[in-house]
């Protein structure tokens, strides 16, 4: 799908508000190519967004675009939580990490930011939306004086190589820089450190259900 060029003066990155919940849910589905009426247990629903806002309002972000008719369109989103579980511990699967889609496992005093979800509508790619969402979260880590931020980046380029190698081999080649992955390599280019392949992280067949643990250490962190 061709990307649509946005007028960036009409694009705003802000903390998520309840009024954007429906748009966020549609954005996530479109980003991951799930039909709007398809059953999807791992797709966020409005009540999940409300719970995220209630538990950690400053950690939820939305990209909103004002169209020619003055209507607000959600074109991107990111959800995070705080955790005291450091990235040095063995990675666990996505749902075990977050507790539920409403981030039940959020720890208000946790000293690490955990990346729960991020999505940009495909037709609005290449407008810098993802870059701005990443910047807001980097600033959040510094503002809250957290140790850093980590997540598991899904190996979304694996399906191209699935008939040539297993997903662990593919992921290790991505970590080594021998192969480019559209998700993990991009995250490394943004300053994350790629640690190791995490298998059976999330039901995402194009990625072989696997990702790479990525870590960003806050250079401004001050021990309390």
Protein backbone atom coordinates (compact mmCIF):
# COMPACT_ATOMS: atom_id res chain seq x y z
CA UNK A 1 0.00 0.00 0.00
CA UNK A 2 1.31 3.44 -0.91
CA UNK A 3 1.85 5.83 1.98
CA UNK A 4 -0.13 9.06 2.25
CA UNK A 5 1.90 12.23 2.76
CA UNK A 6 0.66 14.15 5.79
CA UNK A 7 0.82 17.87 6.48
CA UNK A 8 2.95 17.61 9.61
CA UNK A 9 1.56 20.83 11.08
CA UNK A 10 -1.71 18.91 11.50
CA UNK A 11 -0.08 16.00 13.33
CA UNK A 12 0.05 15.93 17.13
CA UNK A 13 1.63 13.42 19.52
CA UNK A 14 -0.11 13.56 22.87
CA UNK A 15 -0.96 11.44 25.87
CA UNK A 16 -3.82 9.08 25.15
CA UNK A 17 -7.32 10.18 26.17
CA UNK A 18 -10.43 7.98 26.41
CA UNK A 19 -11.95 9.63 23.34
CA UNK A 20 -9.21 8.09 21.20
CA UNK A 21 -9.81 4.50 22.34
CA UNK A 22 -11.85 3.39 19.32
CA UNK A 23 -9.34 4.94 16.92
CA UNK A 24 -6.46 3.25 18.70
CA UNK A 25 -8.14 -0.14 18.43
CA UNK A 26 -8.71 0.35 14.70
CA UNK A 27 -5.12 1.50 14.25
CA UNK A 28 -3.71 -1.60 15.95
CA UNK A 29 -5.85 -3.90 13.81
CA UNK A 30 -4.89 -2.16 10.58
CA UNK A 31 -1.21 -2.14 11.51
CA UNK A 32 -1.27 -5.90 12.07
CA UNK A 33 -3.64 -6.65 9.17
CA UNK A 34 -6.53 -7.88 11.30
CA UNK A 35 -10.00 -7.24 9.87
CA UNK A 36 -12.08 -4.88 11.98
CA UNK A 37 -14.79 -7.53 12.48
CA UNK A 38 -12.41 -10.46 13.00
CA UNK A 39 -12.21 -12.17 16.39
CA UNK A 40 -8.85 -11.33 17.94
CA UNK A 41 -8.05 -12.17 21.56
CA UNK A 42 -4.77 -10.25 21.45
CA UNK A 43 -6.24 -7.09 19.91
CA UNK A 44 -6.87 -4.20 22.28
CA UNK A 45 -10.45 -3.09 22.86
CA UNK A 46 -11.62 0.26 24.25
CA UNK A 47 -11.89 -0.98 27.83
CA UNK A 48 -8.24 -2.04 27.66
CA UNK A 49 -7.25 1.47 26.60
CA UNK A 50 -9.26 2.95 29.48
CA UNK A 51 -7.45 0.64 31.92
CA UNK A 52 -4.03 1.61 30.50
CA UNK A 53 -4.85 5.28 30.94
CA UNK A 54 -6.06 4.74 34.50
CA UNK A 55 -2.97 2.77 35.50
CA UNK A 56 -0.26 4.78 33.73
CA UNK A 57 -1.62 7.87 31.95
CA UNK A 58 1.76 9.45 31.23
CA UNK A 59 2.99 6.28 29.52
CA UNK A 60 0.32 6.08 26.80
CA UNK A 61 0.71 8.08 23.58
CA UNK A 62 -1.37 8.66 20.48
CA UNK A 63 -0.62 10.30 17.13
CA UNK A 64 -3.61 12.33 15.95
CA UNK A 65 -4.03 13.91 12.53
CA UNK A 66 -6.54 16.64 11.65
CA UNK A 67 -7.95 15.95 8.18
CA UNK A 68 -9.28 18.47 5.65
CA UNK A 69 -12.70 18.36 7.32
CA UNK A 70 -11.29 19.11 10.74
CA UNK A 71 -11.86 15.56 11.97
CA UNK A 72 -9.35 13.88 14.27
CA UNK A 73 -7.89 10.63 12.94
CA UNK A 74 -5.76 8.33 15.10
CA UNK A 75 -2.82 7.36 12.90
CA UNK A 76 -0.47 5.89 15.49
CA UNK A 77 -0.24 4.75 19.10
CA UNK A 78 2.10 3.39 21.71
CA UNK A 79 1.43 1.75 25.07
CA UNK A 80 3.94 1.24 27.86
CA UNK A 81 4.10 0.27 31.52
CA UNK A 82 6.61 0.42 34.34
CA UNK A 83 8.20 -2.71 35.76
CA UNK A 84 10.75 -3.60 38.42
CA UNK A 85 11.70 -6.71 36.44
CA UNK A 86 15.03 -5.84 34.79
CA UNK A 87 15.96 -6.90 31.26
CA UNK A 88 18.79 -8.97 32.72
CA UNK A 89 16.19 -11.52 33.83
CA UNK A 90 15.14 -14.15 31.31
CA UNK A 91 12.52 -12.77 28.93
CA UNK A 92 8.98 -14.07 29.27
CA UNK A 93 6.14 -14.08 26.77
CA UNK A 94 4.20 -10.89 26.07
CA UNK A 95 1.03 -11.65 27.99
CA UNK A 96 2.92 -12.94 31.03
CA UNK A 97 4.94 -9.72 31.01
CA UNK A 98 2.02 -7.30 30.82
CA UNK A 99 -0.58 -9.32 32.78
CA UNK A 100 -3.42 -8.43 30.45
CA UNK A 101 -4.18 -5.93 27.70
CA UNK A 102 -5.01 -3.36 30.35
CA UNK A 103 -1.40 -3.66 31.68
CA UNK A 104 -2.40 -5.30 34.96
CA UNK A 105 1.29 -5.88 35.75
CA UNK A 106 2.14 -2.17 35.67
CA UNK A 107 4.22 -1.26 38.74
CA UNK A 108 3.94 2.46 39.60
CA UNK A 109 7.37 2.43 41.24
CA UNK A 110 9.05 0.19 38.66
CA UNK A 111 12.38 1.56 37.47
CA UNK A 112 12.21 0.25 33.89
CA UNK A 113 9.84 1.19 31.08
CA UNK A 114 8.44 -1.80 29.20
CA UNK A 115 7.24 -1.43 25.63
CA UNK A 116 3.77 -3.00 25.45
CA UNK A 117 2.58 -2.06 21.95
CA UNK A 118 3.23 0.34 19.11
CA UNK A 119 1.35 0.70 15.85
CA UNK A 120 1.12 3.11 12.92
CA UNK A 121 -1.55 2.81 10.25
CA UNK A 122 0.17 1.43 7.13
CA UNK A 123 -1.10 4.15 4.79
CA UNK A 124 0.58 6.77 7.00
CA UNK A 125 4.01 5.17 7.11
CA UNK A 126 7.03 7.30 6.13
CA UNK A 127 5.69 10.42 7.80
CA UNK A 128 7.91 10.24 10.87
CA UNK A 129 5.07 9.14 13.15
CA UNK A 130 7.02 6.22 14.58
CA UNK A 131 10.05 8.45 15.14
CA UNK A 132 7.99 10.93 17.14
CA UNK A 133 6.40 8.18 19.22
CA UNK A 134 9.86 6.80 20.03
CA UNK A 135 11.11 10.27 21.00
CA UNK A 136 8.25 10.81 23.41
CA UNK A 137 9.06 7.55 25.17
CA UNK A 138 12.78 8.33 25.35
CA UNK A 139 11.86 11.66 26.97
CA UNK A 140 9.47 9.88 29.34
CA UNK A 141 12.24 7.57 30.58
CA UNK A 142 14.44 10.59 31.29
CA UNK A 143 11.65 12.64 32.87
CA UNK A 144 10.78 9.78 35.25
CA UNK A 145 14.47 9.03 35.91
CA UNK A 146 14.05 5.37 34.96
CA UNK A 147 16.98 3.06 34.41
CA UNK A 148 15.95 2.52 30.82
CA UNK A 149 13.46 1.01 28.46
CA UNK A 150 13.21 -2.47 27.04
CA UNK A 151 10.87 -4.51 24.89
CA UNK A 152 10.85 -7.44 22.51
CA UNK A 153 10.94 -6.36 18.89
CA UNK A 154 9.11 -8.84 16.67
CA UNK A 155 11.11 -10.34 13.80
CA UNK A 156 8.64 -9.20 11.16
CA UNK A 157 11.00 -9.90 8.26
CA UNK A 158 11.34 -13.59 9.06
CA UNK A 159 8.67 -14.86 6.67
CA UNK A 160 10.91 -13.92 3.73
CA UNK A 161 13.57 -16.32 5.03
CA UNK A 162 11.36 -18.98 6.62
CA UNK A 163 12.14 -21.57 3.93
CA UNK A 164 15.88 -20.98 4.36
CA UNK A 165 16.46 -21.04 8.13
CA UNK A 166 14.76 -21.32 11.50
CA UNK A 167 13.73 -18.18 13.33
CA UNK A 168 16.55 -18.34 15.90
CA UNK A 169 19.17 -18.45 13.15
CA UNK A 170 17.42 -15.56 11.40
CA UNK A 171 17.27 -13.52 14.61
CA UNK A 172 20.93 -14.12 15.38
CA UNK A 173 21.88 -12.93 11.90
CA UNK A 174 19.78 -9.81 12.44
CA UNK A 175 21.52 -9.17 15.77
CA UNK A 176 24.91 -9.62 14.11
CA UNK A 177 23.94 -7.15 11.38
CA UNK A 178 24.14 -9.76 8.61
CA UNK A 179 20.42 -9.45 7.79
CA UNK A 180 18.08 -6.47 7.94
CA UNK A 181 14.77 -6.86 9.77
CA UNK A 182 12.20 -4.07 9.29
CA UNK A 183 11.38 -3.97 12.99
CA UNK A 184 14.44 -5.02 14.98
CA UNK A 185 17.06 -3.41 12.75
CA UNK A 186 15.09 -0.16 12.84
CA UNK A 187 15.01 -0.32 16.65
CA UNK A 188 18.76 -0.89 16.80
CA UNK A 189 19.24 2.12 14.57
CA UNK A 190 17.27 4.17 17.09
CA UNK A 191 19.75 3.34 19.84
CA UNK A 192 18.52 0.07 21.30
CA UNK A 193 20.91 -2.76 22.09
CA UNK A 194 19.84 -6.12 20.63
CA UNK A 195 20.42 -8.88 23.18
CA UNK A 196 19.06 -12.28 22.12
CA UNK A 197 16.22 -14.06 20.34
CA UNK A 198 13.03 -14.64 22.37
CA UNK A 199 11.01 -17.56 21.01
CA UNK A 200 7.26 -18.08 21.54
CA UNK A 201 6.88 -14.46 22.63
CA UNK A 202 3.66 -13.62 20.80
CA UNK A 203 1.37 -15.33 18.28
CA UNK A 204 2.67 -13.57 15.17
CA UNK A 205 3.19 -16.12 12.35
CA UNK A 206 5.07 -13.76 9.96
CA UNK A 207 7.65 -13.32 12.74
CA UNK A 208 7.77 -17.01 13.60
CA UNK A 209 6.20 -15.97 16.93
CA UNK A 210 9.64 -14.70 17.92
CA UNK A 211 11.40 -11.42 18.60
CA UNK A 212 14.61 -9.95 19.93
CA UNK A 213 15.08 -8.46 23.39
CA UNK A 214 16.05 -4.82 22.87
CA UNK A 215 17.35 -2.56 25.64
CA UNK A 216 17.99 1.18 25.92
CA UNK A 217 19.87 2.38 28.99
CA UNK A 218 19.04 5.88 30.18
CA UNK A 219 22.31 7.86 29.97
CA UNK A 220 20.89 10.43 32.41
CA UNK A 221 19.75 7.98 35.08
CA UNK A 222 20.62 9.04 38.62
CA UNK A 223 20.61 6.41 41.38
CA UNK A 224 18.22 7.45 44.14
